[in-house]
Amino acid sequence: MLVRRKATERAGPLVGPGPFVLVERQERAVFDVADPVEGELRLDHGRWGRWAFTGDEVSGAVVTVADVRSFAMGLPRTTEALVQDKVKFRIGRIVYVAFSRDETVMGFAFPKEEREALVRSEPAKFTMPGRADLRYKWVLVRMAAIDETEMRELVLDAWRMVVPKRVAAAYDELG
């Protein structure tokens, strides 16, 4: 059973284990679903959207590419690139943050040795990269599952992995 509600609307008792947030670019909608599995959902108007379990309440706004851009572009040596319709932030030629085409998933640099533990700790939030990208130090996060504070931490840690240590140390001294 699927019931569509506005994110701000509170309609009596929930019809399932909890609300889900559909993120389609800047649009948000809440769904109550009896089966708490992530995946794709066909919308009434015939387009596909991504949805993810958020817990008991939808809190705060969904982090967007614009939020990441405003933070990342303030980091030394960062440049932005658009590659095959995907927004990427990098130092030189090394990418440390990239977005899916639909901007619902953010990939970021993360130590290979620790990524399985991260994904196991919060599987509704983090996922492993695709098979072709497993060789890289990379993890994916669902944008609907993080807030701005966590986004800043993930982006800053990813930036620290690729920038020279002296640049990171100078940045830490300033702020």
N, C-alpha and C. Protein backbone atom coordinates (compact mmCIF):
# COMPACT_ATOMS: atom_id res chain seq x y z
N MET A 1 0.85 -1.19 0.00
CA MET A 1 0.00 0.00 0.00
C MET A 1 0.89 1.23 0.00
N LEU A 2 0.54 2.20 -0.83
CA LEU A 2 1.34 3.40 -0.97
C LEU A 2 0.45 4.62 -0.87
N VAL A 3 0.78 5.52 0.02
CA VAL A 3 -0.02 6.73 0.21
C VAL A 3 0.91 7.92 0.05
N ARG A 4 0.58 8.83 -0.86
CA ARG A 4 1.42 10.00 -1.06
C ARG A 4 0.89 11.15 -0.21
N ARG A 5 1.83 11.79 0.50
CA ARG A 5 1.49 12.95 1.32
C ARG A 5 2.51 14.04 1.06
N LYS A 6 2.18 15.27 1.37
CA LYS A 6 3.17 16.34 1.33
C LYS A 6 4.07 16.19 2.54
N ALA A 7 5.32 16.67 2.42
CA ALA A 7 6.30 16.51 3.50
C ALA A 7 5.84 17.21 4.78
N THR A 8 5.08 18.27 4.64
CA THR A 8 4.65 19.02 5.82
C THR A 8 3.32 18.52 6.37
N GLU A 9 2.64 17.69 5.60
CA GLU A 9 1.32 17.21 6.02
C GLU A 9 1.44 16.07 7.02
N ARG A 10 0.61 16.07 8.03
CA ARG A 10 0.58 14.98 9.00
C ARG A 10 -0.82 14.37 8.95
N ALA A 11 -0.88 13.16 8.42
CA ALA A 11 -2.19 12.54 8.21
C ALA A 11 -2.36 11.33 9.10
N GLY A 12 -2.77 11.53 10.33
CA GLY A 12 -3.09 10.43 11.23
C GLY A 12 -1.98 9.41 11.39
N PRO A 13 -2.36 8.18 11.80
CA PRO A 13 -1.35 7.14 12.01
C PRO A 13 -0.72 6.70 10.69
N LEU A 14 0.53 6.29 10.75
CA LEU A 14 1.24 5.87 9.55
C LEU A 14 0.74 4.50 9.11
N VAL A 15 0.82 4.24 7.81
CA VAL A 15 0.33 3.00 7.24
C VAL A 15 1.46 1.99 7.07
N GLY A 16 2.57 2.14 7.64
CA GLY A 16 3.68 1.21 7.46
C GLY A 16 4.73 1.49 8.51
N PRO A 17 5.92 1.00 8.29
CA PRO A 17 6.97 1.19 9.27
C PRO A 17 7.48 2.62 9.35
N GLY A 18 7.25 3.43 8.34
CA GLY A 18 7.71 4.81 8.43
C GLY A 18 7.65 5.52 7.10
N PRO A 19 7.84 6.82 7.11
CA PRO A 19 7.78 7.60 5.87
C PRO A 19 9.04 7.41 5.03
N PHE A 20 8.87 7.60 3.74
CA PHE A 20 9.97 7.56 2.80
C PHE A 20 10.00 8.91 2.10
N VAL A 21 11.17 9.38 1.73
CA VAL A 21 11.27 10.65 1.04
C VAL A 21 11.64 10.38 -0.41
N LEU A 22 10.88 10.95 -1.31
CA LEU A 22 11.20 10.86 -2.73
C LEU A 22 11.94 12.13 -3.09
N VAL A 23 13.11 11.98 -3.64
CA VAL A 23 13.90 13.14 -4.02
C VAL A 23 14.05 13.14 -5.52
N GLU A 24 13.47 14.12 -6.16
CA GLU A 24 13.55 14.23 -7.60
C GLU A 24 13.98 15.65 -7.89
N ARG A 25 15.28 15.81 -8.04
CA ARG A 25 15.90 17.13 -8.13
C ARG A 25 15.54 17.91 -6.86
N GLN A 26 14.77 18.99 -6.96
CA GLN A 26 14.46 19.79 -5.78
C GLN A 26 13.11 19.42 -5.15
N GLU A 27 12.35 18.51 -5.77
CA GLU A 27 11.00 18.18 -5.30
C GLU A 27 11.06 17.13 -4.19
N ARG A 28 10.24 17.31 -3.14
CA ARG A 28 10.16 16.33 -2.05
C ARG A 28 8.73 15.90 -1.84
N ALA A 29 8.54 14.63 -1.59
CA ALA A 29 7.23 14.11 -1.23
C ALA A 29 7.45 12.97 -0.26
N VAL A 30 6.49 12.74 0.61
CA VAL A 30 6.62 11.67 1.60
C VAL A 30 5.65 10.55 1.24
N PHE A 31 6.12 9.30 1.37
CA PHE A 31 5.30 8.14 1.10
C PHE A 31 5.32 7.25 2.33
N ASP A 32 4.20 6.69 2.67
CA ASP A 32 4.14 5.65 3.70
C ASP A 32 4.04 4.34 2.96
N VAL A 33 4.96 3.44 3.23
CA VAL A 33 5.03 2.19 2.49
C VAL A 33 5.05 1.04 3.48
N ALA A 34 4.33 -0.02 3.17
CA ALA A 34 4.28 -1.17 4.06
C ALA A 34 5.56 -2.00 4.01
N ASP A 35 6.34 -1.89 2.96
CA ASP A 35 7.58 -2.67 2.82
C ASP A 35 8.78 -1.73 2.87
N PRO A 36 9.62 -1.78 3.92
CA PRO A 36 10.72 -0.83 4.06
C PRO A 36 11.97 -1.20 3.24
N VAL A 37 11.80 -1.38 1.95
CA VAL A 37 12.92 -1.71 1.07
C VAL A 37 13.15 -0.52 0.16
N GLU A 38 14.42 -0.23 -0.11
CA GLU A 38 14.73 0.89 -0.98
C GLU A 38 14.61 0.47 -2.43
N GLY A 39 14.45 1.44 -3.32
CA GLY A 39 14.43 1.11 -4.73
C GLY A 39 13.85 2.21 -5.55
N GLU A 40 13.32 1.82 -6.69
CA GLU A 40 12.72 2.79 -7.57
C GLU A 40 11.21 2.71 -7.47
N LEU A 41 10.56 3.81 -7.74
CA LEU A 41 9.13 3.91 -7.58
C LEU A 41 8.57 4.61 -8.81
N ARG A 42 7.58 4.05 -9.45
CA ARG A 42 6.97 4.69 -10.61
C ARG A 42 5.92 5.68 -10.13
N LEU A 43 6.09 6.91 -10.51
CA LEU A 43 5.18 7.97 -10.08
C LEU A 43 3.96 8.02 -10.99
N ASP A 44 2.91 8.70 -10.52
CA ASP A 44 1.67 8.78 -11.28
C ASP A 44 1.86 9.40 -12.66
N HIS A 45 2.76 10.36 -12.76
CA HIS A 45 2.94 11.05 -14.03
C HIS A 45 3.89 10.30 -14.98
N GLY A 46 4.23 9.02 -14.65
CA GLY A 46 4.96 8.18 -15.56
C GLY A 46 6.47 8.26 -15.47
N ARG A 47 7.02 9.11 -14.60
CA ARG A 47 8.47 9.21 -14.45
C ARG A 47 8.91 8.37 -13.27
N TRP A 48 10.18 8.00 -13.26
CA TRP A 48 10.74 7.20 -12.17
C TRP A 48 11.40 8.11 -11.17
N GLY A 49 11.34 7.74 -9.91
CA GLY A 49 12.00 8.50 -8.86
C GLY A 49 12.72 7.55 -7.91
N ARG A 50 13.66 8.07 -7.14
CA ARG A 50 14.38 7.28 -6.16
C ARG A 50 13.80 7.59 -4.80
N TRP A 51 13.70 6.59 -3.94
CA TRP A 51 13.21 6.84 -2.59
C TRP A 51 14.05 6.08 -1.61
N ALA A 52 14.09 6.58 -0.38
CA ALA A 52 14.90 5.96 0.66
C ALA A 52 14.21 6.12 2.00
N PHE A 53 14.37 5.13 2.86
CA PHE A 53 13.79 5.18 4.20
C PHE A 53 14.49 6.25 5.02
N THR A 54 13.71 7.07 5.72
CA THR A 54 14.30 8.17 6.48
C THR A 54 14.13 8.03 7.97
N GLY A 55 13.34 7.09 8.45
CA GLY A 55 13.12 6.98 9.89
C GLY A 55 11.73 7.48 10.25
N ASP A 56 11.56 7.90 11.50
CA ASP A 56 10.23 8.28 11.97
C ASP A 56 9.74 9.58 11.37
N GLU A 57 10.58 10.57 11.28
CA GLU A 57 10.15 11.87 10.80
C GLU A 57 11.07 12.35 9.70
N VAL A 58 10.55 13.19 8.82
CA VAL A 58 11.37 13.86 7.82
C VAL A 58 11.86 15.13 8.48
N SER A 59 13.17 15.22 8.68
CA SER A 59 13.69 16.38 9.39
C SER A 59 14.57 17.21 8.49
N GLY A 60 14.30 18.49 8.44
CA GLY A 60 15.13 19.41 7.67
C GLY A 60 14.97 19.22 6.18
N ALA A 61 15.66 20.06 5.43
CA ALA A 61 15.61 20.00 3.99
C ALA A 61 16.66 19.02 3.48
N VAL A 62 16.43 18.51 2.30
CA VAL A 62 17.36 17.61 1.66
C VAL A 62 18.58 18.41 1.20
N VAL A 63 19.77 17.87 1.41
CA VAL A 63 20.99 18.53 0.96
C VAL A 63 21.04 18.47 -0.56
N THR A 64 21.40 19.57 -1.19
CA THR A 64 21.43 19.64 -2.66
C THR A 64 22.86 19.83 -3.15
N VAL A 65 23.03 19.74 -4.46
CA VAL A 65 24.33 19.98 -5.07
C VAL A 65 24.76 21.42 -4.80
N ALA A 66 23.82 22.34 -4.78
CA ALA A 66 24.15 23.74 -4.50
C ALA A 66 24.76 23.90 -3.10
N ASP A 67 24.25 23.15 -2.13
CA ASP A 67 24.82 23.19 -0.77
C ASP A 67 26.25 22.67 -0.77
N VAL A 68 26.47 21.57 -1.48
CA VAL A 68 27.82 20.99 -1.56
C VAL A 68 28.74 21.95 -2.29
N ARG A 69 28.25 22.53 -3.38
CA ARG A 69 29.05 23.48 -4.16
C ARG A 69 29.49 24.65 -3.31
N SER A 70 28.58 25.23 -2.54
CA SER A 70 28.93 26.41 -1.74
C SER A 70 29.99 26.08 -0.69
N PHE A 71 29.98 24.85 -0.18
CA PHE A 71 31.01 24.44 0.79
C PHE A 71 32.31 24.05 0.09
N ALA A 72 32.22 23.20 -0.91
CA ALA A 72 33.42 22.66 -1.57
C ALA A 72 34.23 23.74 -2.27
N MET A 73 33.58 24.70 -2.88
CA MET A 73 34.32 25.73 -3.61
C MET A 73 35.08 26.65 -2.67
N GLY A 74 34.80 26.60 -1.39
CA GLY A 74 35.56 27.36 -0.40
C GLY A 74 36.82 26.65 0.07
N LEU A 75 36.99 25.39 -0.35
CA LEU A 75 38.18 24.63 0.02
C LEU A 75 39.31 24.93 -0.97
N PRO A 76 40.53 25.13 -0.49
CA PRO A 76 41.65 25.47 -1.38
C PRO A 76 41.86 24.44 -2.49
N ARG A 77 42.18 24.96 -3.68
CA ARG A 77 42.52 24.19 -4.88
C ARG A 77 41.36 23.42 -5.50
N THR A 78 40.16 23.56 -4.99
CA THR A 78 39.02 22.83 -5.53
C THR A 78 38.55 23.47 -6.83
N THR A 79 38.26 22.63 -7.82
CA THR A 79 37.63 23.07 -9.05
C THR A 79 36.40 22.20 -9.29
N GLU A 80 35.46 22.75 -10.02
CA GLU A 80 34.23 22.01 -10.36
C GLU A 80 34.28 21.65 -11.83
N ALA A 81 33.81 20.47 -12.16
CA ALA A 81 33.76 20.02 -13.55
C ALA A 81 32.43 19.34 -13.82
N LEU A 82 31.98 19.43 -15.05
CA LEU A 82 30.78 18.72 -15.49
C LEU A 82 31.24 17.69 -16.51
N VAL A 83 31.19 16.41 -16.13
CA VAL A 83 31.66 15.33 -16.98
C VAL A 83 30.50 14.38 -17.24
N GLN A 84 30.10 14.23 -18.49
CA GLN A 84 28.98 13.38 -18.88
C GLN A 84 27.75 13.67 -18.04
N ASP A 85 27.41 14.94 -17.91
CA ASP A 85 26.24 15.41 -17.15
C ASP A 85 26.32 15.11 -15.66
N LYS A 86 27.50 14.88 -15.13
CA LYS A 86 27.69 14.63 -13.70
C LYS A 86 28.57 15.74 -13.13
N VAL A 87 28.12 16.31 -12.02
CA VAL A 87 28.90 17.35 -11.34
C VAL A 87 29.98 16.68 -10.51
N LYS A 88 31.23 17.17 -10.66
CA LYS A 88 32.36 16.60 -9.92
C LYS A 88 33.19 17.72 -9.34
N PHE A 89 33.72 17.49 -8.14
CA PHE A 89 34.63 18.42 -7.50
C PHE A 89 35.98 17.72 -7.39
N ARG A 90 37.04 18.45 -7.74
CA ARG A 90 38.34 17.79 -7.77
C ARG A 90 39.49 18.73 -7.44
N ILE A 91 40.61 18.10 -7.15
CA ILE A 91 41.87 18.79 -6.94
C ILE A 91 42.75 18.33 -8.10
N GLY A 92 43.12 19.22 -8.99
CA GLY A 92 43.84 18.81 -10.19
C GLY A 92 42.96 17.87 -10.99
N ARG A 93 43.44 16.65 -11.22
CA ARG A 93 42.65 15.66 -11.96
C ARG A 93 42.02 14.63 -11.05
N ILE A 94 42.24 14.74 -9.74
CA ILE A 94 41.72 13.75 -8.80
C ILE A 94 40.36 14.20 -8.27
N VAL A 95 39.34 13.40 -8.54
CA VAL A 95 37.97 13.70 -8.10
C VAL A 95 37.81 13.24 -6.66
N TYR A 96 37.24 14.12 -5.81
CA TYR A 96 36.99 13.71 -4.43
C TYR A 96 35.51 13.71 -4.08
N VAL A 97 34.66 14.34 -4.89
CA VAL A 97 33.20 14.28 -4.72
C VAL A 97 32.58 14.30 -6.11
N ALA A 98 31.60 13.43 -6.34
CA ALA A 98 30.89 13.39 -7.61
C ALA A 98 29.42 13.04 -7.35
N PHE A 99 28.55 13.48 -8.24
CA PHE A 99 27.11 13.23 -8.10
C PHE A 99 26.59 12.38 -9.24
N SER A 100 25.53 11.63 -8.96
CA SER A 100 24.84 10.88 -10.01
C SER A 100 24.15 11.90 -10.92
N ARG A 101 23.74 11.45 -12.09
CA ARG A 101 23.09 12.37 -13.03
C ARG A 101 21.83 13.00 -12.44
N ASP A 102 21.09 12.22 -11.66
CA ASP A 102 19.85 12.75 -11.07
C ASP A 102 20.10 13.48 -9.74
N GLU A 103 21.35 13.56 -9.33
CA GLU A 103 21.78 14.31 -8.15
C GLU A 103 21.18 13.80 -6.84
N THR A 104 20.82 12.54 -6.78
CA THR A 104 20.29 11.95 -5.55
C THR A 104 21.33 11.17 -4.78
N VAL A 105 22.46 10.89 -5.42
CA VAL A 105 23.54 10.12 -4.79
C VAL A 105 24.85 10.89 -4.95
N MET A 106 25.61 10.95 -3.86
CA MET A 106 26.91 11.61 -3.89
C MET A 106 27.99 10.55 -3.62
N GLY A 107 28.98 10.48 -4.49
CA GLY A 107 30.13 9.63 -4.27
C GLY A 107 31.24 10.49 -3.68
N PHE A 108 32.02 9.91 -2.78
CA PHE A 108 33.09 10.69 -2.16
C PHE A 108 34.27 9.80 -1.83
N ALA A 109 35.45 10.41 -1.77
CA ALA A 109 36.67 9.67 -1.46
C ALA A 109 36.59 9.18 -0.01
N PHE A 110 36.99 7.92 0.18
CA PHE A 110 36.94 7.30 1.50
C PHE A 110 37.92 6.13 1.51
N PRO A 111 38.63 5.90 2.61
CA PRO A 111 39.61 4.81 2.65
C PRO A 111 38.99 3.45 2.33
N LYS A 112 39.63 2.71 1.42
CA LYS A 112 39.14 1.38 1.02
C LYS A 112 38.99 0.45 2.20
N GLU A 113 39.94 0.51 3.13
CA GLU A 113 39.96 -0.42 4.26
C GLU A 113 38.77 -0.23 5.19
N GLU A 114 38.20 0.95 5.21
CA GLU A 114 37.14 1.27 6.16
C GLU A 114 35.74 1.32 5.55
N ARG A 115 35.65 1.25 4.22
CA ARG A 115 34.35 1.50 3.60
C ARG A 115 33.32 0.40 3.87
N GLU A 116 33.73 -0.86 3.93
CA GLU A 116 32.76 -1.93 4.22
C GLU A 116 32.15 -1.74 5.60
N ALA A 117 32.96 -1.34 6.57
CA ALA A 117 32.44 -1.10 7.92
C ALA A 117 31.46 0.08 7.92
N LEU A 118 31.77 1.12 7.14
CA LEU A 118 30.87 2.27 7.05
C LEU A 118 29.53 1.86 6.45
N VAL A 119 29.56 1.13 5.37
CA VAL A 119 28.33 0.70 4.71
C VAL A 119 27.52 -0.22 5.62
N ARG A 120 28.19 -1.14 6.32
CA ARG A 120 27.48 -2.04 7.24
C ARG A 120 26.88 -1.29 8.42
N SER A 121 27.53 -0.21 8.86
CA SER A 121 27.04 0.53 10.01
C SER A 121 25.74 1.28 9.71
N GLU A 122 25.59 1.78 8.50
CA GLU A 122 24.37 2.51 8.12
C GLU A 122 24.00 2.19 6.67
N PRO A 123 23.46 1.00 6.40
CA PRO A 123 23.17 0.61 5.02
C PRO A 123 22.06 1.42 4.35
N ALA A 124 21.20 2.07 5.12
CA ALA A 124 20.16 2.91 4.52
C ALA A 124 20.74 4.23 4.03
N LYS A 125 21.94 4.54 4.45
CA LYS A 125 22.57 5.82 4.10
C LYS A 125 23.69 5.63 3.09
N PHE A 126 24.58 4.68 3.33
CA PHE A 126 25.77 4.49 2.50
C PHE A 126 25.66 3.22 1.67
N THR A 127 26.28 3.23 0.49
CA THR A 127 26.36 2.05 -0.35
C THR A 127 27.76 1.94 -0.95
N MET A 128 28.11 0.73 -1.33
CA MET A 128 29.38 0.50 -2.01
C MET A 128 29.26 1.02 -3.44
N PRO A 129 30.38 1.41 -4.05
CA PRO A 129 30.34 1.83 -5.45
C PRO A 129 30.06 0.64 -6.36
N GLY A 130 29.77 0.90 -7.60
CA GLY A 130 29.54 -0.17 -8.57
C GLY A 130 30.79 -1.01 -8.76
N ARG A 131 30.63 -2.16 -9.39
CA ARG A 131 31.75 -3.09 -9.56
C ARG A 131 32.96 -2.45 -10.23
N ALA A 132 32.72 -1.61 -11.22
CA ALA A 132 33.82 -0.98 -11.94
C ALA A 132 34.60 0.01 -11.07
N ASP A 133 33.97 0.54 -10.02
CA ASP A 133 34.61 1.55 -9.17
C ASP A 133 35.13 1.00 -7.85
N LEU A 134 35.04 -0.31 -7.63
CA LEU A 134 35.51 -0.89 -6.38
C LEU A 134 37.02 -0.73 -6.19
N ARG A 135 37.75 -0.56 -7.27
CA ARG A 135 39.20 -0.41 -7.15
C ARG A 135 39.60 0.96 -6.61
N TYR A 136 38.68 1.90 -6.63
CA TYR A 136 38.97 3.25 -6.14
C TYR A 136 38.61 3.38 -4.66
N LYS A 137 39.16 4.38 -4.03
CA LYS A 137 38.81 4.71 -2.64
C LYS A 137 37.55 5.56 -2.71
N TRP A 138 36.39 4.89 -2.69
CA TRP A 138 35.14 5.57 -3.01
C TRP A 138 33.97 4.93 -2.29
N VAL A 139 33.01 5.75 -1.82
CA VAL A 139 31.77 5.28 -1.21
C VAL A 139 30.65 6.18 -1.71
N LEU A 140 29.43 5.68 -1.72
CA LEU A 140 28.26 6.46 -2.15
C LEU A 140 27.36 6.73 -0.96
N VAL A 141 26.73 7.90 -0.95
CA VAL A 141 25.76 8.25 0.09
C VAL A 141 24.51 8.80 -0.58
N ARG A 142 23.35 8.47 -0.03
CA ARG A 142 22.08 8.99 -0.53
C ARG A 142 21.88 10.39 0.04
N MET A 143 21.67 11.35 -0.82
CA MET A 143 21.57 12.75 -0.41
C MET A 143 20.38 12.96 0.55
N ALA A 144 19.31 12.21 0.38
CA ALA A 144 18.13 12.37 1.23
C ALA A 144 18.39 11.90 2.65
N ALA A 145 19.45 11.13 2.84
CA ALA A 145 19.71 10.53 4.16
C ALA A 145 20.68 11.34 5.02
N ILE A 146 21.24 12.42 4.49
CA ILE A 146 22.21 13.20 5.27
C ILE A 146 21.73 14.63 5.46
N ASP A 147 22.24 15.26 6.51
CA ASP A 147 21.95 16.68 6.72
C ASP A 147 23.18 17.49 6.32
N GLU A 148 23.09 18.79 6.44
CA GLU A 148 24.18 19.65 5.98
C GLU A 148 25.45 19.47 6.80
N THR A 149 25.33 19.24 8.09
CA THR A 149 26.51 19.03 8.94
C THR A 149 27.27 17.78 8.51
N GLU A 150 26.55 16.69 8.29
CA GLU A 150 27.20 15.46 7.86
C GLU A 150 27.79 15.60 6.47
N MET A 151 27.10 16.33 5.59
CA MET A 151 27.63 16.56 4.25
C MET A 151 28.97 17.29 4.34
N ARG A 152 29.04 18.31 5.19
CA ARG A 152 30.29 19.06 5.34
C ARG A 152 31.43 18.16 5.83
N GLU A 153 31.14 17.28 6.78
CA GLU A 153 32.16 16.36 7.30
C GLU A 153 32.65 15.41 6.21
N LEU A 154 31.71 14.85 5.44
CA LEU A 154 32.09 13.90 4.38
C LEU A 154 32.92 14.58 3.30
N VAL A 155 32.50 15.76 2.88
CA VAL A 155 33.22 16.48 1.83
C VAL A 155 34.60 16.91 2.32
N LEU A 156 34.68 17.42 3.55
CA LEU A 156 35.97 17.85 4.09
C LEU A 156 36.94 16.68 4.23
N ASP A 157 36.47 15.55 4.74
CA ASP A 157 37.33 14.37 4.87
C ASP A 157 37.79 13.86 3.49
N ALA A 158 36.88 13.88 2.51
CA ALA A 158 37.25 13.46 1.15
C ALA A 158 38.29 14.41 0.57
N TRP A 159 38.11 15.70 0.78
CA TRP A 159 39.07 16.70 0.30
C TRP A 159 40.44 16.48 0.93
N ARG A 160 40.46 16.19 2.23
CA ARG A 160 41.73 15.95 2.93
C ARG A 160 42.48 14.74 2.36
N MET A 161 41.75 13.76 1.83
CA MET A 161 42.39 12.57 1.27
C MET A 161 43.18 12.88 0.00
N VAL A 162 42.78 13.89 -0.76
CA VAL A 162 43.40 14.13 -2.07
C VAL A 162 44.29 15.36 -2.12
N VAL A 163 44.13 16.27 -1.20
CA VAL A 163 44.92 17.50 -1.21
C VAL A 163 46.27 17.23 -0.52
N PRO A 164 47.33 17.93 -0.91
CA PRO A 164 48.61 17.75 -0.21
C PRO A 164 48.47 18.04 1.29
N LYS A 165 49.19 17.30 2.11
CA LYS A 165 49.07 17.43 3.57
C LYS A 165 49.35 18.84 4.06
N ARG A 166 50.30 19.54 3.44
CA ARG A 166 50.61 20.91 3.88
C ARG A 166 49.45 21.86 3.60
N VAL A 167 48.71 21.63 2.51
CA VAL A 167 47.54 22.47 2.21
C VAL A 167 46.44 22.21 3.23
N ALA A 168 46.22 20.95 3.56
CA ALA A 168 45.21 20.61 4.57
C ALA A 168 45.59 21.19 5.92
N ALA A 169 46.88 21.11 6.28
CA ALA A 169 47.34 21.67 7.56
C ALA A 169 47.16 23.18 7.60
N ALA A 170 47.45 23.86 6.49
CA ALA A 170 47.27 25.32 6.43
C ALA A 170 45.79 25.67 6.55
N TYR A 171 44.92 24.88 5.93
CA TYR A 171 43.47 25.12 6.01
C TYR A 171 42.98 24.94 7.45
N ASP A 172 43.48 23.89 8.12
CA ASP A 172 43.09 23.62 9.51
C ASP A 172 43.53 24.74 10.44
N GLU A 173 44.70 25.33 10.18
CA GLU A 173 45.19 26.43 11.00
C GLU A 173 44.32 27.67 10.86
N LEU A 174 43.80 27.91 9.65
CA LEU A 174 42.96 29.09 9.41
C LEU A 174 41.57 28.96 10.03
N GLY A 175 41.04 27.76 10.03
CA GLY A 175 39.65 27.64 10.46
C GLY A 175 39.47 26.68 11.54
